[in-house]
PDB file of N, CA and C in Angstrom:
ATOM      1  N   MET A   1     104.979-128.705-121.682  1.00  0.00           N
ATOM      2  CA  MET A   1     104.181-129.196-123.109  1.00  0.00           C
ATOM      3  C   MET A   1     103.718-130.572-122.850  1.00  0.00           C
ATOM      4  N   ARG A   2     103.065-130.862-123.700  1.00  0.00           N
ATOM      5  CA  ARG A   2     102.262-132.293-123.675  1.00  0.00           C
ATOM      6  C   ARG A   2     102.943-133.650-124.215  1.00  0.00           C
ATOM      7  N   LEU A   3     103.262-134.789-123.798  1.00  0.00           N
ATOM      8  CA  LEU A   3     104.275-135.507-124.683  1.00  0.00           C
ATOM      9  C   LEU A   3     103.978-135.898-125.911  1.00  0.00           C
ATOM     10  N   ASP A   4     102.445-135.956-125.974  1.00  0.00           N
ATOM     11  CA  ASP A   4     102.304-136.607-127.398  1.00  0.00           C
ATOM     12  C   ASP A   4     102.473-135.191-128.631  1.00  0.00           C
ATOM     13  N   LYS A   5     102.541-134.130-127.712  1.00  0.00           N
ATOM     14  CA  LYS A   5     102.477-132.281-128.775  1.00  0.00           C
ATOM     15  C   LYS A   5     104.298-132.658-128.951  1.00  0.00           C
ATOM     16  N   TYR A   6     104.552-132.560-127.810  1.00  0.00           N
ATOM     17  CA  TYR A   6     106.450-132.460-128.097  1.00  0.00           C
ATOM     18  C   TYR A   6     106.599-133.782-129.090  1.00  0.00           C
ATOM     19  N   LEU A   7     106.346-135.003-129.251  1.00  0.00           N
ATOM     20  CA  LEU A   7     106.573-135.387-130.157  1.00  0.00           C
ATOM     21  C   LEU A   7     106.500-135.578-131.584  1.00  0.00           C
ATOM     22  N   LYS A   8     105.381-134.714-131.543  1.00  0.00           N
ATOM     23  CA  LYS A   8     105.097-134.305-133.117  1.00  0.00           C
ATOM     24  C   LYS A   8     105.888-132.941-133.454  1.00  0.00           C
ATOM     25  N   VAL A   9     106.080-132.222-132.572  1.00  0.00           N
ATOM     26  CA  VAL A   9     106.652-130.559-133.051  1.00  0.00           C
ATOM     27  C   VAL A   9     108.190-131.256-132.906  1.00  0.00           C
ATOM     28  N   SER A  10     108.837-132.158-132.189  1.00  0.00           N
ATOM     29  CA  SER A  10     110.305-132.558-132.562  1.00  0.00           C
ATOM     30  C   SER A  10     110.333-133.515-133.744  1.00  0.00           C
ATOM     31  N   ARG A  11     109.260-133.952-134.229  1.00  0.00           N
ATOM     32  CA  ARG A  11     109.525-134.946-135.727  1.00  0.00           C
ATOM     33  C   ARG A  11     109.795-136.572-135.173  1.00  0.00           C
ATOM     34  N   LEU A  12     109.733-136.836-133.723  1.00  0.00           N
ATOM     35  CA  LEU A  12     110.079-137.999-133.504  1.00  0.00           C
ATOM     36  C   LEU A  12     109.112-138.934-133.751  1.00  0.00           C
ATOM     37  N   ILE A  13     107.970-138.639-134.207  1.00  0.00           N
ATOM     38  CA  ILE A  13     106.709-139.281-134.324  1.00  0.00           C
ATOM     39  C   ILE A  13     105.857-138.168-135.439  1.00  0.00           C
ATOM     40  N   LYS A  14     105.475-138.832-136.370  1.00  0.00           N
ATOM     41  CA  LYS A  14     105.059-137.400-137.641  1.00  0.00           C
ATOM     42  C   LYS A  14     103.686-137.286-137.266  1.00  0.00           C
ATOM     43  N   ARG A  15     102.492-137.996-136.534  1.00  0.00           N
ATOM     44  CA  ARG A  15     101.432-137.339-135.948  1.00  0.00           C
ATOM     45  C   ARG A  15     101.196-137.508-134.702  1.00  0.00           C
ATOM     46  N   ARG A  16     100.496-136.449-134.207  1.00  0.00           N
ATOM     47  CA  ARG A  16      99.921-136.497-132.691  1.00  0.00           C
ATOM     48  C   ARG A  16      99.038-137.528-132.373  1.00  0.00           C
ATOM     49  N   THR A  17      98.166-138.017-133.391  1.00  0.00           N
ATOM     50  CA  THR A  17      97.382-139.262-132.993  1.00  0.00           C
ATOM     51  C   THR A  17      97.964-140.598-132.531  1.00  0.00           C
ATOM     52  N   VAL A  18      99.347-140.476-133.782  1.00  0.00           N
ATOM     53  CA  VAL A  18      99.752-141.902-133.487  1.00  0.00           C
ATOM     54  C   VAL A  18     100.712-141.782-132.222  1.00  0.00           C
ATOM     55  N   ALA A  19     101.272-140.493-131.822  1.00  0.00           N
ATOM     56  CA  ALA A  19     102.021-140.497-130.735  1.00  0.00           C
ATOM     57  C   ALA A  19     101.257-140.989-129.589  1.00  0.00           C
ATOM     58  N   ASN A  20      99.742-140.297-128.965  1.00  0.00           N
ATOM     59  CA  ASN A  20      99.005-140.523-128.462  1.00  0.00           C
ATOM     60  C   ASN A  20      98.342-142.015-128.279  1.00  0.00           C
ATOM     61  N   GLU A  21      98.663-142.585-129.316  1.00  0.00           N
ATOM     62  CA  GLU A  21      97.954-144.096-129.298  1.00  0.00           C
ATOM     63  C   GLU A  21      99.551-144.996-128.605  1.00  0.00           C
ATOM     64  N   ALA A  22     100.559-144.262-129.552  1.00  0.00           N
ATOM     65  CA  ALA A  22     101.865-145.221-128.495  1.00  0.00           C
ATOM     66  C   ALA A  22     101.849-145.210-127.250  1.00  0.00           C
ATOM     67  N   CYS A  23     101.525-144.005-126.719  1.00  0.00           N
ATOM     68  CA  CYS A  23     101.535-143.557-125.186  1.00  0.00           C
ATOM     69  C   CYS A  23     100.460-144.368-124.703  1.00  0.00           C
ATOM     70  N   ASP A  24      99.295-144.503-125.151  1.00  0.00           N
ATOM     71  CA  ASP A  24      98.376-145.672-124.532  1.00  0.00           C
ATOM     72  C   ASP A  24      98.699-146.999-124.634  1.00  0.00           C
ATOM     73  N   ALA A  25      99.684-147.349-125.624  1.00  0.00           N
ATOM     74  CA  ALA A  25      99.705-148.769-125.546  1.00  0.00           C
ATOM     75  C   ALA A  25     101.304-149.031-124.981  1.00  0.00           C
ATOM     76  N   ASP A  26     101.805-148.266-123.879  1.00  0.00           N
ATOM     77  CA  ASP A  26     103.302-148.279-123.080  1.00  0.00           C
ATOM     78  C   ASP A  26     104.199-148.016-124.105  1.00  0.00           C
ATOM     79  N   LYS A  27     104.062-147.851-125.281  1.00  0.00           N
ATOM     80  CA  LYS A  27     105.250-147.863-125.877  1.00  0.00           C
ATOM     81  C   LYS A  27     106.109-146.721-125.920  1.00  0.00           C
ATOM     82  N   VAL A  28     105.648-145.967-125.094  1.00  0.00           N
ATOM     83  CA  VAL A  28     106.446-144.407-124.618  1.00  0.00           C
ATOM     84  C   VAL A  28     107.031-144.481-123.149  1.00  0.00           C
ATOM     85  N   LEU A  29     108.374-144.363-123.039  1.00  0.00           N
ATOM     86  CA  LEU A  29     109.015-144.482-121.582  1.00  0.00           C
ATOM     87  C   LEU A  29     109.171-143.089-121.448  1.00  0.00           C
ATOM     88  N   VAL A  30     109.020-142.359-120.343  1.00  0.00           N
ATOM     89  CA  VAL A  30     109.719-141.284-119.666  1.00  0.00           C
ATOM     90  C   VAL A  30     110.714-141.272-118.748  1.00  0.00           C
ATOM     91  N   ASN A  31     111.737-141.407-118.573  1.00  0.00           N
ATOM     92  CA  ASN A  31     112.752-141.632-117.167  1.00  0.00           C
ATOM     93  C   ASN A  31     112.579-143.233-116.944  1.00  0.00           C
ATOM     94  N   GLY A  32     112.430-144.243-117.912  1.00  0.00           N
ATOM     95  CA  GLY A  32     112.035-145.411-117.683  1.00  0.00           C
ATOM     96  C   GLY A  32     110.993-145.882-117.213  1.00  0.00           C
ATOM     97  N   LYS A  33     110.064-144.856-117.211  1.00  0.00           N
ATOM     98  CA  LYS A  33     108.195-145.280-116.314  1.00  0.00           C
ATOM     99  C   LYS A  33     107.821-145.359-117.806  1.00  0.00           C
ATOM    100  N   PRO A  34     106.701-146.246-118.180  1.00  0.00           N
ATOM    101  CA  PRO A  34     105.595-145.519-119.083  1.00  0.00           C
ATOM    102  C   PRO A  34     105.146-144.338-118.955  1.00  0.00           C
ATOM    103  N   ALA A  35     104.610-143.598-119.650  1.00  0.00           N
ATOM    104  CA  ALA A  35     104.008-142.154-119.784  1.00  0.00           C
ATOM    105  C   ALA A  35     102.650-141.895-120.770  1.00  0.00           C
ATOM    106  N   ARG A  36     101.894-141.309-119.866  1.00  0.00           N
ATOM    107  CA  ARG A  36     100.533-141.143-120.808  1.00  0.00           C
ATOM    108  C   ARG A  36     101.133-140.054-121.925  1.00  0.00           C
ATOM    109  N   ALA A  37      99.972-139.738-122.712  1.00  0.00           N
ATOM    110  CA  ALA A  37     100.119-138.483-123.736  1.00  0.00           C
ATOM    111  C   ALA A  37      99.937-137.050-122.923  1.00  0.00           C
ATOM    112  N   SER A  38      99.607-137.098-121.818  1.00  0.00           N
ATOM    113  CA  SER A  38      99.279-135.660-120.826  1.00  0.00           C
ATOM    114  C   SER A  38     100.537-135.527-120.386  1.00  0.00           C
ATOM    115  N   TYR A  39     101.531-136.503-120.064  1.00  0.00           N
ATOM    116  CA  TYR A  39     102.453-136.407-119.008  1.00  0.00           C
ATOM    117  C   TYR A  39     103.435-134.634-119.587  1.00  0.00           C
ATOM    118  N   GLU A  40     103.917-133.982-118.827  1.00  0.00           N
ATOM    119  CA  GLU A  40     104.494-132.743-119.261  1.00  0.00           C
ATOM    120  C   GLU A  40     105.856-132.777-119.265  1.00  0.00           C
ATOM    121  N   VAL A  41     106.400-132.596-120.561  1.00  0.00           N
ATOM    122  CA  VAL A  41     107.718-132.862-120.838  1.00  0.00           C
ATOM    123  C   VAL A  41     108.613-131.783-120.001  1.00  0.00           C
ATOM    124  N   LYS A  42     109.602-131.873-119.688  1.00  0.00           N
ATOM    125  CA  LYS A  42     110.680-130.900-119.080  1.00  0.00           C
ATOM    126  C   LYS A  42     112.330-130.924-119.605  1.00  0.00           C
ATOM    127  N   THR A  43     112.742-130.286-119.719  1.00  0.00           N
ATOM    128  CA  THR A  43     114.282-130.594-120.602  1.00  0.00           C
ATOM    129  C   THR A  43     114.964-131.495-119.484  1.00  0.00           C
ATOM    130  N   GLY A  44     115.527-132.350-119.992  1.00  0.00           N
ATOM    131  CA  GLY A  44     116.217-133.346-119.506  1.00  0.00           C
ATOM    132  C   GLY A  44     115.577-134.523-119.267  1.00  0.00           C
ATOM    133  N   ASP A  45     114.712-134.573-119.727  1.00  0.00           N
ATOM    134  CA  ASP A  45     113.821-135.741-119.350  1.00  0.00           C
ATOM    135  C   ASP A  45     114.530-136.714-120.855  1.00  0.00           C
ATOM    136  N   ILE A  46     114.435-138.184-120.183  1.00  0.00           N
ATOM    137  CA  ILE A  46     114.860-139.181-121.151  1.00  0.00           C
ATOM    138  C   ILE A  46     113.707-139.883-121.816  1.00  0.00           C
ATOM    139  N   ILE A  47     113.602-139.618-123.245  1.00  0.00           N
ATOM    140  CA  ILE A  47     112.126-140.309-123.722  1.00  0.00           C
ATOM    141  C   ILE A  47     112.712-141.201-124.322  1.00  0.00           C
ATOM    142  N   GLU A  48     111.865-142.703-124.165  1.00  0.00           N
ATOM    143  CA  GLU A  48     112.254-144.077-125.088  1.00  0.00           C
ATOM    144  C   GLU A  48     111.177-144.027-125.991  1.00  0.00           C
ATOM    145  N   ILE A  49     111.372-144.299-126.858  1.00  0.00           N
ATOM    146  CA  ILE A  49     110.035-145.192-128.164  1.00  0.00           C
ATOM    147  C   ILE A  49     110.488-146.075-128.550  1.00  0.00           C
ATOM    148  N   GLN A  50     109.512-147.128-128.175  1.00  0.00           N
ATOM    149  CA  GLN A  50     109.707-148.606-128.715  1.00  0.00           C
ATOM    150  C   GLN A  50     108.726-148.932-129.936  1.00  0.00           C
ATOM    151  N   ILE A  51     108.955-148.358-130.772  1.00  0.00           N
ATOM    152  CA  ILE A  51     107.882-148.442-131.808  1.00  0.00           C
ATOM    153  C   ILE A  51     109.317-148.337-132.992  1.00  0.00           C
ATOM    154  N   GLY A  52     108.951-149.763-133.655  1.00  0.00           N
ATOM    155  CA  GLY A  52     110.090-150.166-135.018  1.00  0.00           C
ATOM    156  C   GLY A  52     111.497-150.657-134.274  1.00  0.00           C
ATOM    157  N   LYS A  53     112.426-149.595-134.729  1.00  0.00           N
ATOM    158  CA  LYS A  53     113.532-149.696-133.839  1.00  0.00           C
ATOM    159  C   LYS A  53     113.441-148.869-132.805  1.00  0.00           C
ATOM    160  N   PRO A  54     113.729-149.370-131.603  1.00  0.00           N
ATOM    161  CA  PRO A  54     114.094-148.582-130.476  1.00  0.00           C
ATOM    162  C   PRO A  54     114.992-147.515-130.418  1.00  0.00           C
ATOM    163  N   LEU A  55     114.300-146.114-129.773  1.00  0.00           N
ATOM    164  CA  LEU A  55     115.083-144.890-129.691  1.00  0.00           C
ATOM    165  C   LEU A  55     115.134-144.248-128.376  1.00  0.00           C
ATOM    166  N   LYS A  56     116.184-143.779-127.918  1.00  0.00           N
ATOM    167  CA  LYS A  56     116.365-143.252-126.751  1.00  0.00           C
ATOM    168  C   LYS A  56     116.869-141.767-126.616  1.00  0.00           C
ATOM    169  N   VAL A  57     116.178-140.605-126.437  1.00  0.00           N
ATOM    170  CA  VAL A  57     116.595-139.344-126.381  1.00  0.00           C
ATOM    171  C   VAL A  57     116.467-138.647-125.205  1.00  0.00           C
ATOM    172  N   ARG A  58     117.483-137.364-125.110  1.00  0.00           N
ATOM    173  CA  ARG A  58     117.046-136.555-124.368  1.00  0.00           C
ATOM    174  C   ARG A  58     116.650-135.560-124.600  1.00  0.00           C
ATOM    175  N   VAL A  59     115.611-134.718-123.962  1.00  0.00           N
ATOM    176  CA  VAL A  59     115.074-133.533-124.528  1.00  0.00           C
ATOM    177  C   VAL A  59     116.042-132.503-123.873  1.00  0.00           C
ATOM    178  N   LEU A  60     116.241-131.466-125.224  1.00  0.00           N
ATOM    179  CA  LEU A  60     117.333-130.133-124.448  1.00  0.00           C
ATOM    180  C   LEU A  60     116.595-129.204-124.718  1.00  0.00           C
ATOM    181  N   GLU A  61     115.592-128.798-125.392  1.00  0.00           N
ATOM    182  CA  GLU A  61     114.494-127.599-125.559  1.00  0.00           C
ATOM    183  C   GLU A  61     113.000-128.091-125.796  1.00  0.00           C
ATOM    184  N   ILE A  62     112.180-127.060-125.589  1.00  0.00           N
ATOM    185  CA  ILE A  62     110.933-127.557-125.760  1.00  0.00           C
ATOM    186  C   ILE A  62     110.306-125.884-126.508  1.00  0.00           C
ATOM    187  N   ARG A  63     109.824-126.293-127.526  1.00  0.00           N
ATOM    188  CA  ARG A  63     109.052-124.809-128.269  1.00  0.00           C
ATOM    189  C   ARG A  63     107.757-125.579-128.557  1.00  0.00           C
ATOM    190  N   GLU A  64     106.993-124.678-128.658  1.00  0.00           N
ATOM    191  CA  GLU A  64     105.601-124.570-128.928  1.00  0.00           C
ATOM    192  C   GLU A  64     105.377-125.320-131.048  1.00  0.00           C
ATOM    193  N   PHE A  65     106.109-124.542-131.634  1.00  0.00           N
ATOM    194  CA  PHE A  65     106.511-124.657-132.970  1.00  0.00           C
ATOM    195  C   PHE A  65     108.114-124.411-133.219  1.00  0.00           C
ATOM    196  N   THR A  66     108.054-125.232-134.421  1.00  0.00           N
ATOM    197  CA  THR A  66     109.697-125.309-134.951  1.00  0.00           C
ATOM    198  C   THR A  66     109.633-125.706-136.749  1.00  0.00           C
ATOM    199  N   LYS A  67     110.634-125.184-137.221  1.00  0.00           N
ATOM    200  CA  LYS A  67     110.542-125.464-138.682  1.00  0.00           C
ATOM    201  C   LYS A  67     111.179-126.683-138.704  1.00  0.00           C
ATOM    202  N   LYS A  68     111.291-127.302-139.782  1.00  0.00           N
ATOM    203  CA  LYS A  68     111.384-128.989-140.038  1.00  0.00           C
ATOM    204  C   LYS A  68     113.265-129.235-139.810  1.00  0.00           C
ATOM    205  N   GLU A  69     114.004-128.106-140.198  1.00  0.00           N
ATOM    206  CA  GLU A  69     115.573-128.245-139.897  1.00  0.00           C
ATOM    207  C   GLU A  69     115.888-128.134-138.777  1.00  0.00           C
ATOM    208  N   GLU A  70     114.787-127.311-138.080  1.00  0.00           N
ATOM    209  CA  GLU A  70     115.836-127.092-136.250  1.00  0.00           C
ATOM    210  C   GLU A  70     114.989-128.175-135.339  1.00  0.00           C
ATOM    211  N   ALA A  71     114.146-129.120-135.865  1.00  0.00           N
ATOM    212  CA  ALA A  71     113.536-130.146-135.148  1.00  0.00           C
ATOM    213  C   ALA A  71     114.487-130.635-134.460  1.00  0.00           C
ATOM    214  N   ALA A  72     115.630-131.478-135.204  1.00  0.00           N
ATOM    215  CA  ALA A  72     116.736-132.160-134.568  1.00  0.00           C
ATOM    216  C   ALA A  72     117.126-131.440-133.382  1.00  0.00           C
ATOM    217  N   GLY A  73     117.284-130.028-133.161  1.00  0.00           N
ATOM    218  CA  GLY A  73     117.666-129.372-132.512  1.00  0.00           C
ATOM    219  C   GLY A  73     117.292-129.649-130.790  1.00  0.00           C
ATOM    220  N   LEU A  74     115.894-130.172-130.950  1.00  0.00           N
ATOM    221  CA  LEU A  74     115.238-129.816-129.718  1.00  0.00           C
ATOM    222  C   LEU A  74     115.685-131.271-129.017  1.00  0.00           C
ATOM    223  N   PHE A  75     116.312-131.959-129.781  1.00  0.00           N
ATOM    224  CA  PHE A  75     116.811-133.443-128.726  1.00  0.00           C
ATOM    225  C   PHE A  75     118.186-134.069-129.038  1.00  0.00           C
ATOM    226  N   GLU A  76     118.527-134.928-128.432  1.00  0.00           N
ATOM    227  CA  GLU A  76     119.746-135.382-128.629  1.00  0.00           C
ATOM    228  C   GLU A  76     119.356-136.956-128.356  1.00  0.00           C
ATOM    229  N   VAL A  77     120.024-137.562-129.222  1.00  0.00           N
ATOM    230  CA  VAL A  77     119.993-138.948-129.292  1.00  0.00           C
ATOM    231  C   VAL A  77     120.823-139.462-128.511  1.00  0.00           C
ATOM    232  N   VAL A  78     120.516-140.554-127.343  1.00  0.00           N
ATOM    233  CA  VAL A  78     121.370-141.273-126.291  1.00  0.00           C
ATOM    234  C   VAL A  78     121.264-142.788-125.916  1.00  0.00           C
ATOM    235  N   GLY A  79     122.435-143.233-125.797  1.00  0.00           N
ATOM    236  CA  GLY A  79     122.688-144.871-125.711  1.00  0.00           C
ATOM    237  C   GLY A  79     122.079-145.178-126.886  1.00  0.00           C
TER     238      GLY A  79
END
């Protein structure tokens, strides 16, 4: 799954266009490196979002769609 779509589905970023813009501005790192919106997310990847308060999460699961209540189960906050 594309990084921008994962950020939206997991509700880490509310809109896919905002996720896309954050990736273009190098505000999203995957495994310590700036990532493009088209990066293919894999289970176990570490995603850092540097918008407002920095957030670092580990990808636990990848799903095309998810309910609001289940979105937090797609990742775990680290560090």
